[in-house]
Amino acid sequence: MSEVEVWTRACANDGRAFTSLFDTHRDRVFRHVLRLVDNAHDAEEVTSASFLELWRRRASVILVSDSVLPWLLVTAGHIARNVSRGTRRYRILFDSLPRADATADAEQIAVAHIEEGESVGYMKAAMKMLKPADASLVVLVVLENYAVTEAATLLGLSDGAARTRLHRAKGKIREQLTEARA
């Protein structure tokens, strides 16, 4: 059964069809979100929220190449940015609180190093510097291999505007990565 048929059934309140879509796309959405947030727990939360939004907004979801995946990826990106903003606020609050001097033990340092490889950290920082629409373009076209025209349609941009924004976004990422490694 094609994804369009499964989606049509899901829109008609067929829970099994929606579960099939979840099973099909959950891992790709999770991997995408993991690039945008600080840890796997937040990535799970954002992934779940993305599918909840898919269900809530199923009447207005736009399919690209007969798939809900691009819509999910863009939505997950928006939710991830909201989570990151909230996390930043809490970190600022917690950092301002008085605390005893404590040093991280070797295990904590090793786990942090594994979870945040240097290049992944640089890429996350570079992606966070982009405007949300530009970050969505990079994700859809560069990381998920969708055509620029498909991404443009989903984001409400003309093909020319999408190509220009994608070119500029790639340049900004390249610049950020060069500065970070210098």
N, C-alpha and C. Protein backbone atom coordinates (compact mmCIF):
# COMPACT_ATOMS: atom_id res chain seq x y z
N MET A 1 0.84 -1.17 0.00
CA MET A 1 0.00 0.00 0.00
C MET A 1 0.90 1.25 0.00
N SER A 2 0.58 2.22 -0.84
CA SER A 2 1.40 3.43 -0.94
C SER A 2 1.19 4.32 0.28
N GLU A 3 2.14 5.22 0.47
CA GLU A 3 2.02 6.12 1.62
C GLU A 3 0.81 7.03 1.49
N VAL A 4 0.46 7.41 0.26
CA VAL A 4 -0.72 8.25 0.05
C VAL A 4 -1.97 7.53 0.53
N GLU A 5 -2.07 6.23 0.23
CA GLU A 5 -3.22 5.45 0.67
C GLU A 5 -3.24 5.32 2.20
N VAL A 6 -2.08 5.09 2.78
CA VAL A 6 -1.99 4.99 4.24
C VAL A 6 -2.36 6.32 4.86
N TRP A 7 -1.87 7.41 4.28
CA TRP A 7 -2.18 8.74 4.81
C TRP A 7 -3.68 9.04 4.71
N THR A 8 -4.28 8.67 3.60
CA THR A 8 -5.72 8.87 3.43
C THR A 8 -6.49 8.13 4.51
N ARG A 9 -6.08 6.91 4.81
CA ARG A 9 -6.74 6.15 5.88
C ARG A 9 -6.49 6.80 7.24
N ALA A 10 -5.28 7.28 7.46
CA ALA A 10 -4.97 7.95 8.74
C ALA A 10 -5.82 9.20 8.89
N CYS A 11 -6.02 9.94 7.81
CA CYS A 11 -6.85 11.15 7.87
C CYS A 11 -8.31 10.82 8.17
N ALA A 12 -8.70 9.59 7.87
CA ALA A 12 -10.06 9.13 8.17
C ALA A 12 -10.12 8.48 9.55
N ASN A 13 -9.16 8.85 10.43
CA ASN A 13 -9.12 8.39 11.82
C ASN A 13 -8.78 6.91 11.99
N ASP A 14 -8.03 6.35 11.06
CA ASP A 14 -7.58 4.97 11.17
C ASP A 14 -6.27 4.96 11.96
N GLY A 15 -6.34 4.55 13.21
CA GLY A 15 -5.18 4.54 14.09
C GLY A 15 -4.08 3.61 13.60
N ARG A 16 -4.46 2.49 13.02
CA ARG A 16 -3.45 1.55 12.52
C ARG A 16 -2.66 2.15 11.36
N ALA A 17 -3.33 2.90 10.52
CA ALA A 17 -2.64 3.55 9.41
C ALA A 17 -1.66 4.59 9.95
N PHE A 18 -2.10 5.35 10.95
CA PHE A 18 -1.21 6.35 11.54
C PHE A 18 -0.01 5.67 12.20
N THR A 19 -0.25 4.55 12.86
CA THR A 19 0.85 3.79 13.48
C THR A 19 1.84 3.32 12.42
N SER A 20 1.33 2.94 11.27
CA SER A 20 2.20 2.53 10.17
C SER A 20 3.09 3.69 9.72
N LEU A 21 2.52 4.89 9.63
CA LEU A 21 3.31 6.07 9.27
C LEU A 21 4.37 6.36 10.34
N PHE A 22 3.98 6.23 11.58
CA PHE A 22 4.92 6.44 12.69
C PHE A 22 6.08 5.46 12.57
N ASP A 23 5.76 4.19 12.38
CA ASP A 23 6.81 3.17 12.27
C ASP A 23 7.73 3.43 11.07
N THR A 24 7.16 3.94 10.00
CA THR A 24 7.94 4.19 8.79
C THR A 24 8.90 5.36 8.96
N HIS A 25 8.46 6.43 9.61
CA HIS A 25 9.24 7.67 9.62
C HIS A 25 9.88 8.03 10.96
N ARG A 26 9.60 7.33 12.01
CA ARG A 26 10.09 7.69 13.34
C ARG A 26 11.61 7.82 13.39
N ASP A 27 12.33 6.85 12.86
CA ASP A 27 13.78 6.86 12.96
C ASP A 27 14.41 8.04 12.21
N ARG A 28 13.89 8.36 11.02
CA ARG A 28 14.46 9.49 10.27
C ARG A 28 14.18 10.80 10.97
N VAL A 29 12.97 10.95 11.53
CA VAL A 29 12.65 12.17 12.26
C VAL A 29 13.54 12.27 13.50
N PHE A 30 13.72 11.17 14.22
CA PHE A 30 14.56 11.17 15.42
C PHE A 30 16.00 11.57 15.09
N ARG A 31 16.56 10.98 14.02
CA ARG A 31 17.94 11.32 13.64
C ARG A 31 18.07 12.80 13.28
N HIS A 32 17.08 13.31 12.58
CA HIS A 32 17.07 14.73 12.22
C HIS A 32 17.04 15.60 13.48
N VAL A 33 16.17 15.28 14.40
CA VAL A 33 16.02 16.07 15.62
C VAL A 33 17.27 15.96 16.49
N LEU A 34 17.89 14.81 16.51
CA LEU A 34 19.09 14.62 17.32
C LEU A 34 20.20 15.58 16.89
N ARG A 35 20.19 15.98 15.61
CA ARG A 35 21.17 16.96 15.14
C ARG A 35 20.87 18.37 15.66
N LEU A 36 19.64 18.60 16.12
CA LEU A 36 19.21 19.95 16.48
C LEU A 36 19.14 20.20 17.98
N VAL A 37 19.02 19.14 18.77
CA VAL A 37 18.88 19.32 20.22
C VAL A 37 20.11 18.77 20.94
N ASP A 38 20.14 18.99 22.26
CA ASP A 38 21.34 18.68 23.02
C ASP A 38 21.48 17.22 23.45
N ASN A 39 20.39 16.47 23.49
CA ASN A 39 20.51 15.09 23.98
C ASN A 39 19.39 14.21 23.42
N ALA A 40 19.57 12.91 23.59
CA ALA A 40 18.63 11.93 23.03
C ALA A 40 17.25 12.02 23.67
N HIS A 41 17.20 12.36 24.97
CA HIS A 41 15.91 12.49 25.65
C HIS A 41 15.07 13.59 25.00
N ASP A 42 15.69 14.75 24.77
CA ASP A 42 14.97 15.85 24.11
C ASP A 42 14.57 15.45 22.70
N ALA A 43 15.42 14.70 22.02
CA ALA A 43 15.11 14.26 20.66
C ALA A 43 13.87 13.36 20.65
N GLU A 44 13.76 12.49 21.64
CA GLU A 44 12.57 11.62 21.76
C GLU A 44 11.32 12.47 21.97
N GLU A 45 11.43 13.47 22.86
CA GLU A 45 10.29 14.34 23.15
C GLU A 45 9.85 15.10 21.90
N VAL A 46 10.81 15.65 21.19
CA VAL A 46 10.50 16.42 19.98
C VAL A 46 9.91 15.52 18.91
N THR A 47 10.45 14.33 18.77
CA THR A 47 9.91 13.37 17.79
C THR A 47 8.46 13.05 18.10
N SER A 48 8.18 12.77 19.35
CA SER A 48 6.79 12.48 19.76
C SER A 48 5.88 13.67 19.50
N ALA A 49 6.34 14.86 19.84
CA ALA A 49 5.53 16.06 19.63
C ALA A 49 5.28 16.29 18.14
N SER A 50 6.24 15.96 17.31
CA SER A 50 6.09 16.13 15.86
C SER A 50 4.97 15.23 15.32
N PHE A 51 4.94 14.00 15.78
CA PHE A 51 3.89 13.09 15.34
C PHE A 51 2.53 13.48 15.92
N LEU A 52 2.53 14.03 17.11
CA LEU A 52 1.28 14.54 17.68
C LEU A 52 0.75 15.68 16.82
N GLU A 53 1.64 16.58 16.39
CA GLU A 53 1.23 17.68 15.51
C GLU A 53 0.74 17.14 14.16
N LEU A 54 1.38 16.10 13.66
CA LEU A 54 0.94 15.49 12.40
C LEU A 54 -0.50 15.01 12.55
N TRP A 55 -0.80 14.38 13.67
CA TRP A 55 -2.16 13.89 13.92
C TRP A 55 -3.14 15.05 14.07
N ARG A 56 -2.75 16.04 14.88
CA ARG A 56 -3.64 17.18 15.14
C ARG A 56 -3.94 17.97 13.86
N ARG A 57 -2.95 18.12 13.01
CA ARG A 57 -3.09 18.97 11.82
C ARG A 57 -3.28 18.17 10.54
N ARG A 58 -3.69 16.93 10.67
CA ARG A 58 -3.74 16.04 9.50
C ARG A 58 -4.61 16.58 8.37
N ALA A 59 -5.58 17.41 8.66
CA ALA A 59 -6.43 17.96 7.60
C ALA A 59 -5.70 18.99 6.74
N SER A 60 -4.62 19.57 7.26
CA SER A 60 -3.94 20.63 6.52
C SER A 60 -2.50 20.28 6.12
N VAL A 61 -2.09 19.04 6.35
CA VAL A 61 -0.71 18.63 6.03
C VAL A 61 -0.52 18.57 4.53
N ILE A 62 0.62 19.09 4.08
CA ILE A 62 0.98 19.09 2.65
C ILE A 62 1.94 17.93 2.40
N LEU A 63 1.56 17.03 1.50
CA LEU A 63 2.45 15.93 1.12
C LEU A 63 3.43 16.42 0.06
N VAL A 64 4.68 16.00 0.18
CA VAL A 64 5.70 16.31 -0.83
C VAL A 64 6.21 14.98 -1.33
N SER A 65 6.19 14.80 -2.64
CA SER A 65 6.57 13.53 -3.27
C SER A 65 5.77 12.38 -2.65
N ASP A 66 4.50 12.64 -2.40
CA ASP A 66 3.58 11.65 -1.85
C ASP A 66 4.04 11.12 -0.49
N SER A 67 4.64 12.00 0.32
CA SER A 67 5.13 11.58 1.63
C SER A 67 4.87 12.68 2.66
N VAL A 68 4.61 12.26 3.90
CA VAL A 68 4.46 13.22 5.01
C VAL A 68 5.81 13.54 5.64
N LEU A 69 6.87 12.82 5.26
CA LEU A 69 8.18 13.01 5.89
C LEU A 69 8.69 14.45 5.82
N PRO A 70 8.66 15.12 4.66
CA PRO A 70 9.15 16.50 4.65
C PRO A 70 8.39 17.40 5.62
N TRP A 71 7.07 17.25 5.70
CA TRP A 71 6.28 18.04 6.64
C TRP A 71 6.72 17.73 8.07
N LEU A 72 6.93 16.46 8.36
CA LEU A 72 7.39 16.08 9.70
C LEU A 72 8.75 16.69 10.02
N LEU A 73 9.67 16.67 9.06
CA LEU A 73 11.01 17.20 9.30
C LEU A 73 10.98 18.70 9.58
N VAL A 74 10.19 19.43 8.82
CA VAL A 74 10.09 20.88 9.04
C VAL A 74 9.44 21.15 10.40
N THR A 75 8.37 20.46 10.70
CA THR A 75 7.69 20.63 11.99
C THR A 75 8.61 20.28 13.14
N ALA A 76 9.33 19.18 13.01
CA ALA A 76 10.27 18.77 14.06
C ALA A 76 11.35 19.83 14.26
N GLY A 77 11.78 20.45 13.18
CA GLY A 77 12.77 21.52 13.29
C GLY A 77 12.25 22.70 14.10
N HIS A 78 10.99 23.07 13.85
CA HIS A 78 10.39 24.18 14.61
C HIS A 78 10.27 23.82 16.09
N ILE A 79 9.81 22.62 16.37
CA ILE A 79 9.64 22.20 17.76
C ILE A 79 11.01 22.11 18.45
N ALA A 80 12.00 21.61 17.75
CA ALA A 80 13.35 21.50 18.33
C ALA A 80 13.90 22.88 18.69
N ARG A 81 13.68 23.87 17.82
CA ARG A 81 14.14 25.22 18.14
C ARG A 81 13.43 25.76 19.38
N ASN A 82 12.15 25.48 19.53
CA ASN A 82 11.43 25.91 20.73
C ASN A 82 12.01 25.24 21.98
N VAL A 83 12.29 23.95 21.89
CA VAL A 83 12.88 23.23 23.02
C VAL A 83 14.25 23.80 23.36
N SER A 84 15.05 24.08 22.34
CA SER A 84 16.38 24.63 22.57
C SER A 84 16.31 26.00 23.24
N ARG A 85 15.36 26.83 22.83
CA ARG A 85 15.20 28.14 23.48
C ARG A 85 14.84 27.97 24.94
N GLY A 86 13.91 27.05 25.23
CA GLY A 86 13.52 26.81 26.62
C GLY A 86 14.67 26.27 27.45
N THR A 87 15.43 25.38 26.87
CA THR A 87 16.59 24.81 27.56
C THR A 87 17.61 25.89 27.86
N ARG A 88 17.83 26.78 26.89
CA ARG A 88 18.78 27.88 27.10
C ARG A 88 18.34 28.77 28.27
N ARG A 89 17.04 29.06 28.37
CA ARG A 89 16.53 29.88 29.47
C ARG A 89 16.79 29.22 30.81
N TYR A 90 16.51 27.92 30.89
CA TYR A 90 16.73 27.20 32.14
C TYR A 90 18.22 27.14 32.49
N ARG A 91 19.07 26.95 31.50
CA ARG A 91 20.51 26.92 31.77
C ARG A 91 20.99 28.25 32.33
N ILE A 92 20.49 29.34 31.76
CA ILE A 92 20.87 30.66 32.25
C ILE A 92 20.43 30.81 33.71
N LEU A 93 19.21 30.37 34.00
CA LEU A 93 18.72 30.44 35.38
C LEU A 93 19.57 29.59 36.31
N PHE A 94 19.82 28.35 35.94
CA PHE A 94 20.60 27.45 36.80
C PHE A 94 22.04 27.92 36.95
N ASP A 95 22.61 28.47 35.89
CA ASP A 95 23.98 28.98 35.98
C ASP A 95 24.09 30.17 36.91
N SER A 96 22.98 30.89 37.08
CA SER A 96 23.02 32.06 37.97
C SER A 96 22.85 31.67 39.44
N LEU A 97 22.44 30.44 39.71
CA LEU A 97 22.25 30.00 41.09
C LEU A 97 23.60 29.68 41.74
N PRO A 98 23.75 29.99 43.04
CA PRO A 98 25.01 29.64 43.71
C PRO A 98 25.12 28.13 43.89
N ARG A 99 26.35 27.61 43.76
CA ARG A 99 26.56 26.18 43.94
C ARG A 99 27.99 25.93 44.40
N ALA A 100 28.19 24.77 44.95
CA ALA A 100 29.53 24.39 45.40
C ALA A 100 30.38 24.05 44.19
N ASP A 101 31.68 24.27 44.30
CA ASP A 101 32.58 23.90 43.22
C ASP A 101 32.62 22.38 43.10
N ALA A 102 32.40 21.92 41.92
CA ALA A 102 32.44 20.47 41.68
C ALA A 102 33.09 20.25 40.32
N THR A 103 33.85 19.22 40.22
CA THR A 103 34.48 18.88 38.95
C THR A 103 33.83 17.62 38.40
N ALA A 104 33.76 17.55 37.10
CA ALA A 104 33.16 16.38 36.46
C ALA A 104 34.11 15.20 36.59
N ASP A 105 33.54 14.02 36.83
CA ASP A 105 34.40 12.84 36.90
C ASP A 105 34.70 12.33 35.48
N ALA A 106 35.62 11.40 35.38
CA ALA A 106 36.07 10.91 34.09
C ALA A 106 34.93 10.32 33.27
N GLU A 107 34.01 9.64 33.92
CA GLU A 107 32.89 9.02 33.19
C GLU A 107 32.02 10.10 32.55
N GLN A 108 31.71 11.17 33.29
CA GLN A 108 30.89 12.24 32.73
C GLN A 108 31.58 12.89 31.53
N ILE A 109 32.87 13.08 31.65
CA ILE A 109 33.63 13.69 30.56
C ILE A 109 33.61 12.78 29.33
N ALA A 110 33.81 11.49 29.54
CA ALA A 110 33.83 10.54 28.42
C ALA A 110 32.46 10.49 27.74
N VAL A 111 31.40 10.43 28.51
CA VAL A 111 30.05 10.38 27.94
C VAL A 111 29.76 11.65 27.16
N ALA A 112 30.13 12.80 27.72
CA ALA A 112 29.90 14.07 27.03
C ALA A 112 30.68 14.11 25.72
N HIS A 113 31.91 13.59 25.73
CA HIS A 113 32.73 13.59 24.52
C HIS A 113 32.12 12.69 23.45
N ILE A 114 31.60 11.55 23.85
CA ILE A 114 30.98 10.62 22.89
C ILE A 114 29.72 11.25 22.30
N GLU A 115 28.87 11.83 23.16
CA GLU A 115 27.60 12.39 22.70
C GLU A 115 27.80 13.64 21.83
N GLU A 116 28.81 14.39 22.12
CA GLU A 116 29.03 15.64 21.40
C GLU A 116 30.37 15.63 20.69
N GLY A 117 30.49 14.83 19.67
CA GLY A 117 31.72 14.84 18.88
C GLY A 117 31.96 16.25 18.37
N GLU A 118 33.20 16.63 18.22
CA GLU A 118 33.52 18.00 17.85
C GLU A 118 32.82 18.43 16.57
N SER A 119 32.90 17.62 15.54
CA SER A 119 32.31 18.04 14.27
C SER A 119 30.80 18.15 14.35
N VAL A 120 30.16 17.27 15.12
CA VAL A 120 28.71 17.34 15.29
C VAL A 120 28.35 18.63 16.01
N GLY A 121 29.12 18.97 17.03
CA GLY A 121 28.88 20.21 17.76
C GLY A 121 29.02 21.43 16.87
N TYR A 122 30.05 21.44 16.01
CA TYR A 122 30.24 22.56 15.10
C TYR A 122 29.07 22.68 14.12
N MET A 123 28.62 21.53 13.63
CA MET A 123 27.52 21.55 12.67
C MET A 123 26.24 22.03 13.35
N LYS A 124 25.98 21.57 14.56
CA LYS A 124 24.80 22.02 15.30
C LYS A 124 24.83 23.53 15.48
N ALA A 125 25.98 24.04 15.87
CA ALA A 125 26.12 25.49 16.08
C ALA A 125 25.88 26.24 14.77
N ALA A 126 26.43 25.73 13.68
CA ALA A 126 26.25 26.39 12.38
C ALA A 126 24.79 26.37 11.96
N MET A 127 24.10 25.26 12.17
CA MET A 127 22.68 25.16 11.80
C MET A 127 21.83 26.10 12.65
N LYS A 128 22.18 26.26 13.91
CA LYS A 128 21.40 27.14 14.80
C LYS A 128 21.54 28.60 14.42
N MET A 129 22.60 28.95 13.69
CA MET A 129 22.82 30.33 13.26
C MET A 129 21.91 30.71 12.09
N LEU A 130 21.34 29.72 11.41
CA LEU A 130 20.51 29.98 10.24
C LEU A 130 19.09 30.36 10.65
N LYS A 131 18.42 31.07 9.76
CA LYS A 131 16.99 31.33 9.95
C LYS A 131 16.27 29.99 9.84
N PRO A 132 15.12 29.84 10.51
CA PRO A 132 14.41 28.56 10.48
C PRO A 132 14.11 28.04 9.07
N ALA A 133 13.67 28.90 8.18
CA ALA A 133 13.36 28.45 6.81
C ALA A 133 14.62 27.98 6.10
N ASP A 134 15.74 28.68 6.32
CA ASP A 134 17.00 28.27 5.69
C ASP A 134 17.48 26.94 6.26
N ALA A 135 17.34 26.77 7.58
CA ALA A 135 17.73 25.50 8.19
C ALA A 135 16.86 24.37 7.63
N SER A 136 15.59 24.63 7.45
CA SER A 136 14.70 23.61 6.87
C SER A 136 15.10 23.26 5.46
N LEU A 137 15.50 24.27 4.67
CA LEU A 137 15.97 24.01 3.31
C LEU A 137 17.20 23.11 3.32
N VAL A 138 18.16 23.42 4.18
CA VAL A 138 19.38 22.62 4.26
C VAL A 138 19.03 21.19 4.64
N VAL A 139 18.17 21.03 5.63
CA VAL A 139 17.80 19.68 6.08
C VAL A 139 17.14 18.90 4.94
N LEU A 140 16.15 19.51 4.31
CA LEU A 140 15.40 18.79 3.28
C LEU A 140 16.26 18.48 2.05
N VAL A 141 17.04 19.46 1.59
CA VAL A 141 17.77 19.29 0.33
C VAL A 141 19.11 18.58 0.55
N VAL A 142 19.89 19.03 1.52
CA VAL A 142 21.24 18.51 1.69
C VAL A 142 21.24 17.21 2.48
N LEU A 143 20.54 17.19 3.61
CA LEU A 143 20.60 16.01 4.49
C LEU A 143 19.59 14.93 4.11
N GLU A 144 18.44 15.33 3.59
CA GLU A 144 17.40 14.34 3.27
C GLU A 144 17.21 14.11 1.77
N ASN A 145 17.99 14.79 0.94
CA ASN A 145 18.04 14.57 -0.51
C ASN A 145 16.72 14.82 -1.25
N TYR A 146 15.94 15.79 -0.79
CA TYR A 146 14.76 16.19 -1.54
C TYR A 146 15.18 17.23 -2.57
N ALA A 147 14.42 17.33 -3.64
CA ALA A 147 14.71 18.34 -4.67
C ALA A 147 14.40 19.72 -4.11
N VAL A 148 15.14 20.72 -4.59
CA VAL A 148 14.92 22.10 -4.14
C VAL A 148 13.48 22.52 -4.42
N THR A 149 12.94 22.09 -5.56
CA THR A 149 11.57 22.48 -5.91
C THR A 149 10.56 21.90 -4.91
N GLU A 150 10.80 20.68 -4.45
CA GLU A 150 9.90 20.07 -3.46
C GLU A 150 9.98 20.81 -2.12
N ALA A 151 11.20 21.12 -1.70
CA ALA A 151 11.37 21.86 -0.44
C ALA A 151 10.76 23.25 -0.56
N ALA A 152 10.93 23.88 -1.70
CA ALA A 152 10.36 25.22 -1.91
C ALA A 152 8.85 25.19 -1.78
N THR A 153 8.21 24.20 -2.37
CA THR A 153 6.77 24.07 -2.28
C THR A 153 6.32 23.94 -0.84
N LEU A 154 6.98 23.09 -0.09
CA LEU A 154 6.60 22.86 1.30
C LEU A 154 6.78 24.12 2.14
N LEU A 155 7.82 24.89 1.87
CA LEU A 155 8.13 26.08 2.67
C LEU A 155 7.47 27.35 2.13
N GLY A 156 6.72 27.22 1.04
CA GLY A 156 6.02 28.38 0.49
C GLY A 156 6.95 29.38 -0.19
N LEU A 157 8.02 28.88 -0.81
CA LEU A 157 8.99 29.75 -1.49
C LEU A 157 8.96 29.46 -2.99
N SER A 158 9.37 30.45 -3.77
CA SER A 158 9.54 30.19 -5.20
C SER A 158 10.82 29.36 -5.37
N ASP A 159 10.93 28.69 -6.51
CA ASP A 159 12.12 27.89 -6.76
C ASP A 159 13.39 28.74 -6.71
N GLY A 160 13.33 29.91 -7.33
CA GLY A 160 14.49 30.79 -7.36
C GLY A 160 14.89 31.26 -5.97
N ALA A 161 13.89 31.64 -5.17
CA ALA A 161 14.18 32.09 -3.80
C ALA A 161 14.78 30.95 -2.99
N ALA A 162 14.25 29.75 -3.16
CA ALA A 162 14.76 28.60 -2.41
C ALA A 162 16.21 28.32 -2.80
N ARG A 163 16.51 28.38 -4.08
CA ARG A 163 17.89 28.12 -4.53
C ARG A 163 18.85 29.18 -3.98
N THR A 164 18.42 30.43 -4.01
CA THR A 164 19.27 31.51 -3.49
C THR A 164 19.49 31.35 -1.99
N ARG A 165 18.41 31.09 -1.26
CA ARG A 165 18.53 30.93 0.20
C ARG A 165 19.39 29.72 0.56
N LEU A 166 19.24 28.64 -0.22
CA LEU A 166 20.04 27.44 0.04
C LEU A 166 21.52 27.73 -0.21
N HIS A 167 21.82 28.44 -1.29
CA HIS A 167 23.21 28.79 -1.59
C HIS A 167 23.81 29.63 -0.47
N ARG A 168 23.07 30.62 -0.01
CA ARG A 168 23.56 31.48 1.07
C ARG A 168 23.71 30.71 2.37
N ALA A 169 22.76 29.82 2.67
CA ALA A 169 22.82 29.03 3.90
C ALA A 169 24.05 28.12 3.89
N LYS A 170 24.31 27.50 2.75
CA LYS A 170 25.51 26.65 2.65
C LYS A 170 26.77 27.48 2.89
N GLY A 171 26.79 28.69 2.34
CA GLY A 171 27.94 29.57 2.54
C GLY A 171 28.12 29.93 4.01
N LYS A 172 27.01 30.22 4.70
CA LYS A 172 27.09 30.56 6.12
C LYS A 172 27.59 29.36 6.93
N ILE A 173 27.11 28.17 6.60
CA ILE A 173 27.55 26.97 7.32
C ILE A 173 29.05 26.76 7.08
N ARG A 174 29.47 26.87 5.84
CA ARG A 174 30.88 26.72 5.51
C ARG A 174 31.73 27.73 6.29
N GLU A 175 31.27 28.97 6.33
CA GLU A 175 31.98 30.02 7.06
C GLU A 175 32.07 29.70 8.56
N GLN A 176 30.95 29.28 9.14
CA GLN A 176 30.94 28.93 10.57
C GLN A 176 31.86 27.76 10.88
N LEU A 177 31.85 26.74 10.01
CA LEU A 177 32.70 25.58 10.25
C LEU A 177 34.18 25.95 10.11
N THR A 178 34.49 26.81 9.17
CA THR A 178 35.88 27.26 8.99
C THR A 178 36.35 28.04 10.20
N GLU A 179 35.50 28.95 10.70
CA GLU A 179 35.86 29.75 11.89
C GLU A 179 36.00 28.87 13.13
N ALA A 180 35.10 27.90 13.27
CA ALA A 180 35.11 27.04 14.46
C ALA A 180 36.36 26.17 14.51
N ARG A 181 36.84 25.75 13.36
CA ARG A 181 38.00 24.86 13.33
C ARG A 181 39.33 25.62 13.35
N ALA A 182 39.24 26.94 13.18
CA ALA A 182 40.47 27.73 13.14
C ALA A 182 41.04 27.97 14.53
